[in-house]
Amino acid sequence: MKPLNKFQAQVVEASKTLPKLTKEQTQWGYENSIDHIGHRTEKGVMTCTKCGHSWQGAGHLVTTLTDCNCPNCNTKLTVETTKKRTFSARYYMTVITAHAGYQVLRSVMLFCSVKVGETPKYDYSEVMQRWIAPNGKHCTFAKLRQTMGTCYYDAWIFHTPLELRSENSNNKFYINVYDKIYTGVVYPRMKLIPELKRTGYKKSLYGQKPLDLFRTLLTDSRAETLMKTGYTKLLKRIMDSGWKNIDKYWQSIRICIRNGYKIKDATLWCDYIDNLRFFGKDLYNAKYVCPTDLKAEHDRYMLKKAKADAQAELEKQLEKEAEFKAIKAKFFGLIFSDGRISVRVLESVQEIVAEGQAMHHYAKRMLMRSVYCKGQGIRPVCLKSCA
């Protein structure tokens, strides 16, 4: 693909001088990303596929349900009891570096091929690069992918060169396949551009893809604020739900920062703020935003929210009074009695609700289902018969 703008043209030129991966980087990947197999025979003889050492193992349950380490090289092994003697696998590794003023994320696919009793064979191929400018713009270099006759989006054609690729997500599935590539293990020695260092970023990715985290830090000062003030759990929580949701919480976050309030459980706090917003509370007031006992306040508002939702649903069902009477009017006044027990048709939605409250039915959810059950219209029946 030819560069479409000045930024892409500059990155293409910069990519020509990007150094190759070092032997140290690939060796670290081999040692830290590959899950080595502990080959076990039916007689319990164990063989480490990394160093080739063999020993008599314990029983099948012991070796498969507990951690197994090779007594020779101390490698953690995944035990497989099988007659198969050759194994091959592929793993991803990400190298984070800087070059020519750009932040570069290099995705490497590692190959491991081993035969029991022989030395493993390793290889690698750099399959993708994401180049990020200091202003947050990015472009992607990648190998060609096999797209016909396969359901895998990372079926790389390894002999093809790394070239600038289009990231148009206007396709049948509306996805950018390059964003779906697994990060894998991250090489610990990172090289960062000065603009990213100034945001307060260290090394942790907080469960995010590097491209998403770095672009957010470089383009939104609010992410930088959360990073520098130590609200990293909140940063992770908001990015997990979509960074655009920061607008719903930012003013309350500012109140927390101003008052030195530490948020230990970001998920609980965000849920609590959502409840405060539902009830129209002042989200600029530290009295609400910075509770002393977050869990207790959260649970209290959750109970209020459940009651409000139940009341709203009840009012919604009461609006169906006319529909109820139109369907059931012909049964009104009908009574069955044996002299001691009388059964009659309930003649309004309100009567159904009152009956449910008087009988202390076990859940308001069941009450709602008794009023309007599974789209079948209003049914004056026992709650348990609708469950």
Protein backbone atom coordinates (compact mmCIF):
# COMPACT_ATOMS: atom_id res chain seq x y z
CA MET A 1 0.00 0.00 0.00
CA LYS A 2 1.34 3.44 -0.92
CA PRO A 3 1.36 6.18 1.74
CA LEU A 4 -1.83 8.23 1.63
CA ASN A 5 -0.59 11.27 3.56
CA LYS A 6 2.51 12.98 4.85
CA PHE A 7 2.44 11.15 8.19
CA GLN A 8 2.40 7.73 6.53
CA ALA A 9 5.18 8.77 4.15
CA GLN A 10 7.37 9.83 7.10
CA VAL A 11 6.72 6.55 8.90
CA VAL A 12 7.59 4.53 5.79
CA GLU A 13 10.95 6.31 5.62
CA ALA A 14 11.56 5.81 9.35
CA SER A 15 10.74 2.10 9.07
CA LYS A 16 13.64 1.57 6.66
CA THR A 17 16.14 2.29 9.46
CA LEU A 18 14.41 0.34 12.23
CA PRO A 19 16.94 -2.14 13.68
CA LYS A 20 16.20 -5.84 13.55
CA LEU A 21 15.19 -7.68 16.67
CA THR A 22 18.17 -8.64 18.78
CA LYS A 23 19.14 -12.16 19.80
CA GLU A 24 18.59 -11.16 23.44
CA GLN A 25 14.97 -10.16 22.74
CA THR A 26 14.08 -13.33 20.87
CA GLN A 27 15.85 -15.53 23.43
CA TRP A 28 13.85 -13.86 26.22
CA GLY A 29 10.69 -14.65 24.27
CA TYR A 30 11.64 -18.30 23.92
CA GLU A 31 12.23 -18.58 27.65
CA ASN A 32 9.16 -16.68 28.86
CA SER A 33 6.34 -17.19 26.37
CA ILE A 34 6.51 -20.86 25.44
CA ASP A 35 4.54 -23.46 27.41
CA HIS A 36 6.72 -26.54 27.46
CA ILE A 37 5.12 -29.97 27.45
CA GLY A 38 5.84 -32.69 29.97
CA HIS A 39 5.37 -35.87 27.92
CA ARG A 40 3.99 -38.72 30.04
CA THR A 41 3.68 -42.33 28.94
CA GLU A 42 0.98 -44.70 30.14
CA LYS A 43 3.55 -46.23 32.53
CA GLY A 44 4.18 -42.83 34.12
CA VAL A 45 7.57 -42.05 32.57
CA MET A 46 7.92 -38.26 32.27
CA THR A 47 10.06 -36.47 29.68
CA CYS A 48 10.78 -32.76 29.64
CA THR A 49 10.51 -31.52 26.05
CA LYS A 50 12.80 -28.59 26.81
CA CYS A 51 15.92 -30.35 28.10
CA GLY A 52 15.07 -33.97 27.27
CA HIS A 53 15.42 -35.23 30.87
CA SER A 54 13.32 -38.31 31.78
CA TRP A 55 12.19 -39.58 35.17
CA GLN A 56 9.55 -41.79 36.74
CA GLY A 57 6.61 -39.56 37.64
CA ALA A 58 3.86 -39.91 40.22
CA GLY A 59 0.33 -41.02 39.45
CA HIS A 60 -1.75 -39.56 36.63
CA LEU A 61 -3.90 -37.33 38.88
CA VAL A 62 -0.91 -36.01 40.80
CA THR A 63 0.99 -34.98 37.68
CA THR A 64 -1.99 -33.45 35.88
CA LEU A 65 -3.71 -31.68 38.77
CA THR A 66 -0.61 -30.26 40.46
CA ASP A 67 2.27 -28.17 39.16
CA CYS A 68 4.96 -30.20 37.48
CA ASN A 69 8.54 -28.93 37.24
CA CYS A 70 11.41 -30.67 35.53
CA PRO A 71 13.92 -31.82 38.19
CA ASN A 72 16.79 -31.09 35.79
CA CYS A 73 16.07 -27.61 34.35
CA ASN A 74 13.24 -26.60 36.75
CA THR A 75 11.00 -25.63 33.83
CA LYS A 76 7.27 -25.60 34.59
CA LEU A 77 5.64 -28.21 32.39
CA THR A 78 2.15 -28.85 31.09
CA VAL A 79 1.69 -32.60 31.43
CA GLU A 80 0.16 -34.54 28.54
CA THR A 81 -0.34 -38.29 28.67
CA THR A 82 -0.20 -39.23 25.02
CA LYS A 83 1.52 -41.45 22.46
CA LYS A 84 2.23 -38.41 20.31
CA ARG A 85 5.95 -37.60 20.31
CA THR A 86 6.11 -34.40 18.29
CA PHE A 87 4.68 -31.07 19.38
CA SER A 88 4.56 -27.65 17.76
CA ALA A 89 3.06 -24.37 18.89
CA ARG A 90 3.05 -20.63 18.16
CA TYR A 91 3.09 -17.75 20.60
CA TYR A 92 3.03 -13.96 20.45
CA MET A 93 5.49 -11.53 21.99
CA THR A 94 5.40 -7.73 21.92
CA VAL A 95 8.52 -5.55 21.93
CA ILE A 96 7.91 -1.91 22.85
CA THR A 97 10.56 0.44 21.51
CA ALA A 98 11.04 3.95 20.11
CA HIS A 99 12.54 4.97 16.78
CA ALA A 100 12.86 8.29 14.94
CA GLY A 101 10.51 9.99 17.40
CA TYR A 102 7.77 7.36 17.07
CA GLN A 103 6.58 4.77 19.58
CA VAL A 104 6.80 1.37 17.92
CA LEU A 105 4.97 -1.78 18.99
CA ARG A 106 6.52 -4.83 17.38
CA SER A 107 4.46 -8.04 17.35
CA VAL A 108 6.55 -11.17 17.01
CA MET A 109 5.30 -14.71 16.45
CA LEU A 110 7.48 -17.35 18.09
CA PHE A 111 7.59 -20.94 16.86
CA CYS A 112 8.51 -23.98 18.91
CA SER A 113 8.85 -27.44 17.38
CA VAL A 114 10.00 -30.34 19.53
CA LYS A 115 10.30 -34.10 19.40
CA VAL A 116 10.45 -36.07 22.64
CA GLY A 117 14.07 -36.78 23.53
CA GLU A 118 15.47 -34.15 21.13
CA THR A 119 16.49 -30.53 21.51
CA PRO A 120 13.63 -28.10 20.75
CA LYS A 121 13.81 -26.01 17.58
CA TYR A 122 12.89 -22.34 17.87
CA ASP A 123 12.21 -19.69 15.27
CA TYR A 124 10.43 -16.34 15.03
CA SER A 125 8.86 -13.93 12.57
CA GLU A 126 8.00 -10.28 13.10
CA VAL A 127 4.46 -10.07 11.75
CA MET A 128 3.24 -6.57 12.64
CA GLN A 129 4.38 -3.11 13.71
CA ARG A 130 2.20 -0.31 15.07
CA TRP A 131 3.80 3.13 14.73
CA ILE A 132 2.42 5.83 17.05
CA ALA A 133 3.23 9.53 16.65
CA PRO A 134 3.49 11.87 19.67
CA ASN A 135 0.08 13.33 18.77
CA GLY A 136 -1.58 9.89 18.93
CA LYS A 137 -1.85 9.20 15.21
CA HIS A 138 -0.85 5.70 14.20
CA CYS A 139 -0.37 3.42 11.21
CA THR A 140 0.27 -0.29 10.80
CA PHE A 141 2.90 -2.34 9.03
CA ALA A 142 2.14 -6.04 8.68
CA LYS A 143 2.72 -9.13 6.62
CA LEU A 144 0.03 -10.37 4.28
CA ARG A 145 -2.63 -12.67 5.74
CA GLN A 146 -4.38 -15.69 4.30
CA THR A 147 -8.01 -14.57 4.09
CA MET A 148 -9.58 -17.18 1.84
CA GLY A 149 -10.68 -20.55 3.14
CA THR A 150 -9.80 -19.85 6.77
CA CYS A 151 -11.58 -18.44 9.81
CA TYR A 152 -8.32 -17.23 11.38
CA TYR A 153 -7.55 -13.54 11.10
CA ASP A 154 -3.84 -14.08 11.88
CA ALA A 155 -3.00 -16.73 9.29
CA TRP A 156 0.16 -14.87 8.28
CA ILE A 157 1.98 -15.47 5.02
CA PHE A 158 5.43 -15.41 6.59
CA HIS A 159 7.55 -14.96 3.47
CA THR A 160 5.85 -11.63 2.63
CA PRO A 161 7.49 -8.35 3.73
CA LEU A 162 6.24 -5.94 6.38
CA GLU A 163 4.43 -3.20 4.49
CA LEU A 164 2.03 -0.37 5.21
CA ARG A 165 -1.49 -1.81 5.44
CA SER A 166 -4.96 -0.29 5.33
CA GLU A 167 -6.91 -0.39 8.59
CA ASN A 168 -10.31 0.29 7.08
CA SER A 169 -12.91 -1.24 9.40
CA ASN A 170 -15.76 -0.64 6.95
CA ASN A 171 -16.16 -4.32 6.22
CA LYS A 172 -18.78 -6.98 6.80
CA PHE A 173 -17.91 -7.35 10.49
CA TYR A 174 -16.92 -3.70 11.15
CA ILE A 175 -13.66 -4.65 12.83
CA ASN A 176 -10.00 -3.77 12.46
CA VAL A 177 -8.33 -7.18 12.36
CA TYR A 178 -4.96 -5.73 13.40
CA ASP A 179 -6.51 -4.63 16.70
CA LYS A 180 -7.42 -8.27 17.36
CA ILE A 181 -3.85 -9.56 17.34
CA TYR A 182 -2.90 -10.99 20.72
CA THR A 183 -0.34 -8.99 22.70
CA GLY A 184 1.26 -12.04 24.33
CA VAL A 185 4.19 -11.53 26.69
CA VAL A 186 5.77 -8.07 26.70
CA TYR A 187 9.54 -7.72 26.58
CA PRO A 188 10.43 -5.96 29.85
CA ARG A 189 13.07 -3.58 28.49
CA MET A 190 10.98 -0.82 26.98
CA LYS A 191 12.15 2.27 25.15
CA LEU A 192 9.65 5.12 25.35
CA ILE A 193 9.38 8.43 23.51
CA PRO A 194 9.67 11.54 25.76
CA GLU A 195 6.00 12.50 25.21
CA LEU A 196 4.88 9.16 26.64
CA LYS A 197 7.28 9.37 29.59
CA ARG A 198 5.81 12.77 30.49
CA THR A 199 2.36 11.20 30.96
CA GLY A 200 3.67 9.27 33.95
CA TYR A 201 3.58 5.89 32.24
CA LYS A 202 6.01 3.31 33.63
CA LYS A 203 5.68 -0.29 32.44
CA SER A 204 2.33 -1.78 33.41
CA LEU A 205 -0.34 -2.07 30.70
CA TYR A 206 -3.26 -2.40 33.19
CA GLY A 207 -4.84 -5.16 31.14
CA GLN A 208 -5.05 -3.00 27.99
CA LYS A 209 -3.61 -3.42 24.55
CA PRO A 210 -0.50 -1.22 24.26
CA LEU A 211 -1.84 0.71 21.26
CA ASP A 212 -5.08 1.65 23.05
CA LEU A 213 -3.32 2.68 26.27
CA PHE A 214 -0.58 4.72 24.59
CA ARG A 215 -2.95 6.53 22.23
CA THR A 216 -5.27 7.40 25.12
CA LEU A 217 -2.39 8.76 27.19
CA LEU A 218 -1.07 10.81 24.29
CA THR A 219 -4.41 12.28 23.20
CA ASP A 220 -6.36 12.83 26.44
CA SER A 221 -4.87 14.77 29.35
CA ARG A 222 -7.46 13.20 31.68
CA ALA A 223 -5.77 9.82 31.26
CA GLU A 224 -2.47 11.47 32.14
CA THR A 225 -4.06 12.98 35.23
CA LEU A 226 -5.33 9.60 36.40
CA MET A 227 -1.91 8.08 35.82
CA LYS A 228 0.02 10.75 37.69
CA THR A 229 -2.40 10.93 40.65
CA GLY A 230 -2.31 7.16 41.16
CA TYR A 231 -5.88 6.42 40.02
CA THR A 232 -4.68 3.59 37.80
CA LYS A 233 -7.46 1.21 38.88
CA LEU A 234 -9.99 3.79 37.77
CA LEU A 235 -8.10 4.26 34.50
CA LYS A 236 -8.30 0.52 33.88
CA ARG A 237 -12.00 0.35 34.79
CA ILE A 238 -12.98 3.16 32.44
CA MET A 239 -10.87 1.85 29.57
CA ASP A 240 -12.43 -1.60 30.02
CA SER A 241 -15.89 -0.09 29.57
CA GLY A 242 -14.85 2.29 26.77
CA TRP A 243 -12.82 5.46 27.26
CA LYS A 244 -15.67 7.65 26.02
CA ASN A 245 -17.39 6.92 29.35
CA ILE A 246 -14.83 9.14 31.10
CA ASP A 247 -17.18 12.07 30.49
CA LYS A 248 -19.75 10.57 32.89
CA TYR A 249 -17.29 10.42 35.79
CA TRP A 250 -14.72 13.12 35.21
CA GLN A 251 -16.24 15.88 37.34
CA SER A 252 -16.67 13.46 40.24
CA ILE A 253 -13.10 12.24 39.79
CA ARG A 254 -11.88 15.81 40.08
CA ILE A 255 -13.70 16.13 43.40
CA CYS A 256 -11.98 12.94 44.62
CA ILE A 257 -8.56 14.20 43.56
CA ARG A 258 -9.15 17.58 45.20
CA ASN A 259 -10.15 15.93 48.48
CA GLY A 260 -7.42 13.28 48.39
CA TYR A 261 -10.00 10.49 48.29
CA LYS A 262 -8.53 7.14 47.29
CA ILE A 263 -10.75 4.80 45.25
CA LYS A 264 -9.84 1.25 46.23
CA ASP A 265 -12.59 -0.46 44.23
CA ALA A 266 -13.04 1.36 40.90
CA THR A 267 -15.90 -0.84 39.69
CA LEU A 268 -17.89 -0.31 42.89
CA TRP A 269 -17.27 3.44 42.82
CA CYS A 270 -18.37 3.84 39.18
CA ASP A 271 -21.52 1.84 39.89
CA TYR A 272 -22.17 4.05 42.93
CA ILE A 273 -21.77 7.23 40.86
CA ASP A 274 -24.22 5.85 38.28
CA ASN A 275 -26.78 5.37 41.06
CA LEU A 276 -26.20 8.88 42.37
CA ARG A 277 -26.81 10.23 38.88
CA PHE A 278 -30.03 8.21 38.61
CA PHE A 279 -31.39 9.81 41.80
CA GLY A 280 -30.29 13.30 40.78
CA LYS A 281 -27.72 13.74 43.54
CA ASP A 282 -25.08 16.46 43.39
CA LEU A 283 -22.04 14.85 41.74
CA TYR A 284 -19.97 17.94 42.58
CA ASN A 285 -20.48 17.43 46.30
CA ALA A 286 -17.76 15.53 48.20
CA LYS A 287 -20.42 14.37 50.69
CA TYR A 288 -21.82 12.06 48.01
CA VAL A 289 -18.82 11.47 45.78
CA CYS A 290 -16.36 10.59 48.55
CA PRO A 291 -18.25 8.31 50.97
CA THR A 292 -16.49 7.06 54.07
CA ASP A 293 -17.92 3.57 53.61
CA LEU A 294 -18.22 3.07 49.87
CA LYS A 295 -19.64 -0.44 50.04
CA ALA A 296 -22.37 0.46 52.52
CA GLU A 297 -23.45 3.51 50.50
CA HIS A 298 -23.31 1.55 47.27
CA ASP A 299 -25.53 -1.20 48.71
CA ARG A 300 -27.98 1.36 50.09
CA TYR A 301 -28.41 3.05 46.73
CA MET A 302 -28.64 -0.28 44.95
CA LEU A 303 -31.60 -1.17 47.17
CA LYS A 304 -33.22 2.17 46.43
CA LYS A 305 -32.61 1.65 42.73
CA ALA A 306 -34.22 -1.80 42.85
CA LYS A 307 -37.29 -0.37 44.57
CA ALA A 308 -37.51 2.48 42.06
CA ASP A 309 -37.22 0.05 39.15
CA ALA A 310 -39.94 -2.16 40.65
CA GLN A 311 -42.23 0.84 41.14
CA ALA A 312 -41.64 2.02 37.58
CA GLU A 313 -42.46 -1.44 36.26
CA LEU A 314 -45.60 -1.53 38.41
CA GLU A 315 -46.78 1.79 37.03
CA LYS A 316 -46.11 0.54 33.55
CA GLN A 317 -48.28 -2.50 34.15
CA LEU A 318 -51.08 -0.43 35.71
CA GLU A 319 -51.31 1.43 32.42
CA LYS A 320 -52.45 -1.85 30.87
CA GLU A 321 -55.69 -1.83 32.87
CA ALA A 322 -57.82 -1.25 29.77
CA GLU A 323 -56.13 -4.14 27.95
CA PHE A 324 -56.70 -6.40 30.94
CA LYS A 325 -60.40 -5.61 31.14
CA ALA A 326 -60.88 -6.04 27.40
CA ILE A 327 -59.42 -9.55 27.57
CA LYS A 328 -60.86 -10.78 30.89
CA ALA A 329 -64.14 -8.87 31.27
CA LYS A 330 -66.21 -11.88 30.22
CA PHE A 331 -64.93 -13.78 33.28
CA PHE A 332 -65.66 -11.04 35.82
CA GLY A 333 -68.09 -12.15 38.51
CA LEU A 334 -67.33 -15.84 37.96
CA ILE A 335 -66.99 -17.64 41.32
CA PHE A 336 -66.33 -21.29 42.19
CA SER A 337 -67.09 -22.43 45.74
CA ASP A 338 -67.48 -25.64 47.71
CA GLY A 339 -68.93 -23.84 50.70
CA ARG A 340 -65.62 -23.38 52.48
CA ILE A 341 -63.25 -22.20 49.74
CA SER A 342 -64.18 -19.67 47.08
CA VAL A 343 -62.18 -18.95 43.91
CA ARG A 344 -62.91 -15.89 41.79
CA VAL A 345 -61.27 -14.05 38.93
CA LEU A 346 -59.29 -10.96 39.92
CA GLU A 347 -60.93 -8.03 38.15
CA SER A 348 -58.09 -5.50 37.86
CA VAL A 349 -54.34 -5.21 37.68
CA GLN A 350 -54.39 -3.46 41.05
CA GLU A 351 -56.11 -6.47 42.60
CA ILE A 352 -53.37 -8.74 41.23
CA VAL A 353 -50.70 -6.50 42.77
CA ALA A 354 -52.54 -6.32 46.11
CA GLU A 355 -52.93 -10.11 46.17
CA GLY A 356 -49.21 -10.57 45.56
CA GLN A 357 -48.32 -8.17 48.38
CA ALA A 358 -50.78 -9.80 50.78
CA MET A 359 -49.38 -13.26 50.04
CA HIS A 360 -45.78 -12.02 50.45
CA HIS A 361 -44.62 -13.52 47.21
CA TYR A 362 -40.92 -14.24 47.27
CA ALA A 363 -39.76 -11.73 44.64
CA LYS A 364 -41.03 -8.55 43.07
CA ARG A 365 -39.72 -9.90 39.82
CA MET A 366 -42.22 -12.72 40.06
CA LEU A 367 -44.90 -10.15 40.81
CA MET A 368 -44.16 -8.39 37.57
CA ARG A 369 -44.26 -11.69 35.71
CA SER A 370 -47.66 -12.44 37.17
CA VAL A 371 -48.97 -9.14 35.86
CA TYR A 372 -47.60 -9.54 32.36
CA CYS A 373 -46.15 -12.97 31.71
CA LYS A 374 -43.75 -13.54 28.81
CA GLY A 375 -45.58 -11.32 26.35
CA GLN A 376 -48.78 -13.38 26.62
CA GLY A 377 -50.88 -10.59 27.98
CA ILE A 378 -52.05 -9.93 31.52
CA ARG A 379 -52.74 -13.13 33.40
CA PRO A 380 -54.43 -13.18 36.86
CA VAL A 381 -52.74 -16.37 37.96
CA CYS A 382 -50.59 -17.59 40.83
CA LEU A 383 -47.02 -16.34 40.72
CA LYS A 384 -45.54 -19.82 41.03
CA SER A 385 -47.46 -21.06 38.02
CA CYS A 386 -45.73 -18.43 35.88
CA ALA A 387 -42.22 -19.07 37.21
